[in-house]
C-alpha atoms as a PDB file:
ATOM      1  CA  MET A   1     -14.188   0.486 -10.019  1.00  0.00           C
ATOM      2  CA  PHE A   2     -13.733   1.352  -6.299  1.00  0.00           C
ATOM      3  CA  SER A   3     -12.465  -1.354  -3.944  1.00  0.00           C
ATOM      4  CA  VAL A   4     -11.561  -1.208  -0.327  1.00  0.00           C
ATOM      5  CA  ARG A   5      -9.746  -4.077   1.598  1.00  0.00           C
ATOM      6  CA  LEU A   6     -11.021  -3.868   5.154  1.00  0.00           C
ATOM      7  CA  GLY A   7      -9.130  -5.427   8.104  1.00  0.00           C
ATOM      8  CA  LYS A   8      -9.989  -5.603  11.873  1.00  0.00           C
ATOM      9  CA  SER A   9     -11.503  -2.652  13.548  1.00  0.00           C
ATOM     10  CA  GLY A  10      -8.978   0.134  13.931  1.00  0.00           C
ATOM     11  CA  MET A  11      -6.184  -1.734  12.032  1.00  0.00           C
ATOM     12  CA  ALA A  12      -4.461  -0.421   8.954  1.00  0.00           C
ATOM     13  CA  ASN A  13      -4.692  -2.299   5.729  1.00  0.00           C
ATOM     14  CA  PHE A  14      -0.895  -1.920   5.142  1.00  0.00           C
ATOM     15  CA  ASN A  15       2.001  -1.851   7.636  1.00  0.00           C
ATOM     16  CA  ILE A  16       5.201   0.072   7.587  1.00  0.00           C
ATOM     17  CA  GLY A  17       7.768  -1.592   5.418  1.00  0.00           C
ATOM     18  CA  ASP A  18       5.124  -3.217   3.088  1.00  0.00           C
ATOM     19  CA  ARG A  19       5.989  -3.053  -0.631  1.00  0.00           C
ATOM     20  CA  VAL A  20       3.047  -1.490  -2.460  1.00  0.00           C
ATOM     21  CA  GLU A  21       1.988  -0.345  -5.953  1.00  0.00           C
ATOM     22  CA  ARG A  22      -0.243   2.649  -6.831  1.00  0.00           C
ATOM     23  CA  ILE A  23      -3.196   1.427  -8.731  1.00  0.00           C
ATOM     24  CA  GLY A  24      -5.185   3.068 -11.430  1.00  0.00           C
ATOM     25  CA  PRO A  25      -5.271   3.489 -15.258  1.00  0.00           C
ATOM     26  CA  LEU A  26      -3.075   6.490 -15.301  1.00  0.00           C
ATOM     27  CA  TRP A  27      -0.328   5.124 -13.047  1.00  0.00           C
ATOM     28  CA  SER A  28       2.795   3.009 -13.884  1.00  0.00           C
ATOM     29  CA  LYS A  29       3.471  -0.133 -11.963  1.00  0.00           C
ATOM     30  CA  GLN A  30       6.025   1.710  -9.849  1.00  0.00           C
ATOM     31  CA  GLN A  31       6.682   0.004  -6.497  1.00  0.00           C
ATOM     32  CA  GLY A  32       7.279   1.774  -3.207  1.00  0.00           C
ATOM     33  CA  ILE A  33       7.637   1.202   0.526  1.00  0.00           C
ATOM     34  CA  VAL A  34       5.091   2.319   3.195  1.00  0.00           C
ATOM     35  CA  THR A  35       6.904   4.591   5.591  1.00  0.00           C
ATOM     36  CA  ARG A  36       4.187   5.986   7.597  1.00  0.00           C
ATOM     37  CA  VAL A  37       0.514   5.005   8.587  1.00  0.00           C
ATOM     38  CA  ILE A  38      -1.753   7.942   9.169  1.00  0.00           C
ATOM     39  CA  ARG A  39      -4.807   6.467  10.943  1.00  0.00           C
ATOM     40  CA  ASN A  40      -8.139   8.150  10.760  1.00  0.00           C
ATOM     41  CA  GLU A  41      -9.406   9.644  14.107  1.00  0.00           C
ATOM     42  CA  ASP A  42     -12.705   7.902  13.884  1.00  0.00           C
ATOM     43  CA  HIS A  43     -10.991   4.545  13.197  1.00  0.00           C
ATOM     44  CA  LYS A  44     -12.542   4.316   9.836  1.00  0.00           C
ATOM     45  CA  GLU A  45     -10.263   1.975   8.056  1.00  0.00           C
ATOM     46  CA  TRP A  46     -11.071   3.207   4.530  1.00  0.00           C
ATOM     47  CA  LEU A  47      -9.903   6.613   5.614  1.00  0.00           C
ATOM     48  CA  HIS A  48      -6.445   5.483   6.823  1.00  0.00           C
ATOM     49  CA  GLN A  49      -3.598   7.085   4.780  1.00  0.00           C
ATOM     50  CA  TYR A  50      -0.309   5.750   3.888  1.00  0.00           C
ATOM     51  CA  GLU A  51       2.906   7.546   3.202  1.00  0.00           C
ATOM     52  CA  VAL A  52       4.811   5.630   0.439  1.00  0.00           C
ATOM     53  CA  GLN A  53       8.438   6.280  -0.534  1.00  0.00           C
ATOM     54  CA  PHE A  54       9.181   5.682  -4.211  1.00  0.00           C
ATOM     55  CA  ALA A  55      12.653   5.751  -5.824  1.00  0.00           C
ATOM     56  CA  GLU A  56      12.388   9.606  -6.471  1.00  0.00           C
ATOM     57  CA  SER A  57       9.447  10.879  -4.479  1.00  0.00           C
ATOM     58  CA  THR A  58       7.237  10.384  -1.351  1.00  0.00           C
ATOM     59  CA  SER A  59       3.494  10.514  -1.608  1.00  0.00           C
ATOM     60  CA  THR A  60       0.450   9.934   0.590  1.00  0.00           C
ATOM     61  CA  PHE A  61      -2.505   7.546  -0.509  1.00  0.00           C
ATOM     62  CA  TYR A  62      -5.585   5.965   0.806  1.00  0.00           C
ATOM     63  CA  ALA A  63      -5.803   2.162   1.014  1.00  0.00           C
ATOM     64  CA  SER A  64      -8.072   2.063  -2.023  1.00  0.00           C
ATOM     65  CA  GLN A  65      -5.305   3.543  -4.062  1.00  0.00           C
ATOM     66  CA  LEU A  66      -2.711   0.901  -3.308  1.00  0.00           C
ATOM     67  CA  VAL A  67      -2.197  -2.834  -3.577  1.00  0.00           C
ATOM     68  CA  LEU A  68       0.499  -5.020  -2.142  1.00  0.00           C
ATOM     69  CA  ALA A  69       3.209  -5.473  -4.734  1.00  0.00           C
ATOM     70  CA  LYS A  70       3.749  -8.746  -6.489  1.00  0.00           C
ATOM     71  CA  ARG A  71       7.249 -10.253  -6.815  1.00  0.00           C
ATOM     72  CA  ILE A  72       8.598 -13.300  -8.604  1.00  0.00           C
ATOM     73  CA  SER A  73      10.334 -15.764  -6.321  1.00  0.00           C
ATOM     74  CA  HIS A  74      11.590 -19.076  -7.774  1.00  0.00           C
ATOM     75  CA  GLY A  75       9.191 -18.847 -10.695  1.00  0.00           C
ATOM     76  CA  ARG A  76       6.066 -18.173  -8.404  1.00  0.00           C
ATOM     77  CA  ILE A  77       4.329 -14.794  -8.131  1.00  0.00           C
ATOM     78  CA  GLU A  78       3.875 -14.005  -4.345  1.00  0.00           C
ATOM     79  CA  ASN A  79       2.711 -10.984  -2.344  1.00  0.00           C
ATOM     80  CA  SER A  80       5.517  -8.857  -1.216  1.00  0.00           C
ATOM     81  CA  VAL A  81       5.574  -7.913   2.392  1.00  0.00           C
ATOM     82  CA  LYS A  82       8.453  -6.320   4.299  1.00  0.00           C
ATOM     83  CA  GLY A  83      10.689  -5.991   1.246  1.00  0.00           C
ATOM     84  CA  GLY A  84      13.051  -3.463  -0.043  1.00  0.00           C
ATOM     85  CA  VAL A  85      12.564  -1.297  -3.218  1.00  0.00           C
END
């Protein structure tokens, strides 16, 4: 399944500091922090790339390969934004 989350024109789907997870059947639920947004020259949001720092490595992904990480806060599951690893 291929899914793209589109935002406003020219805007990235994730921001620096967002906590994200790599998605896909071959990947563990490892969380990382967006450290750089690489915008597409033609402003095609689905082609923006995101540099993500994990505990032991840094990698670059397209938005369709990432989701906002979930965290548990006071017994509720929330989307994590601007959090640490």
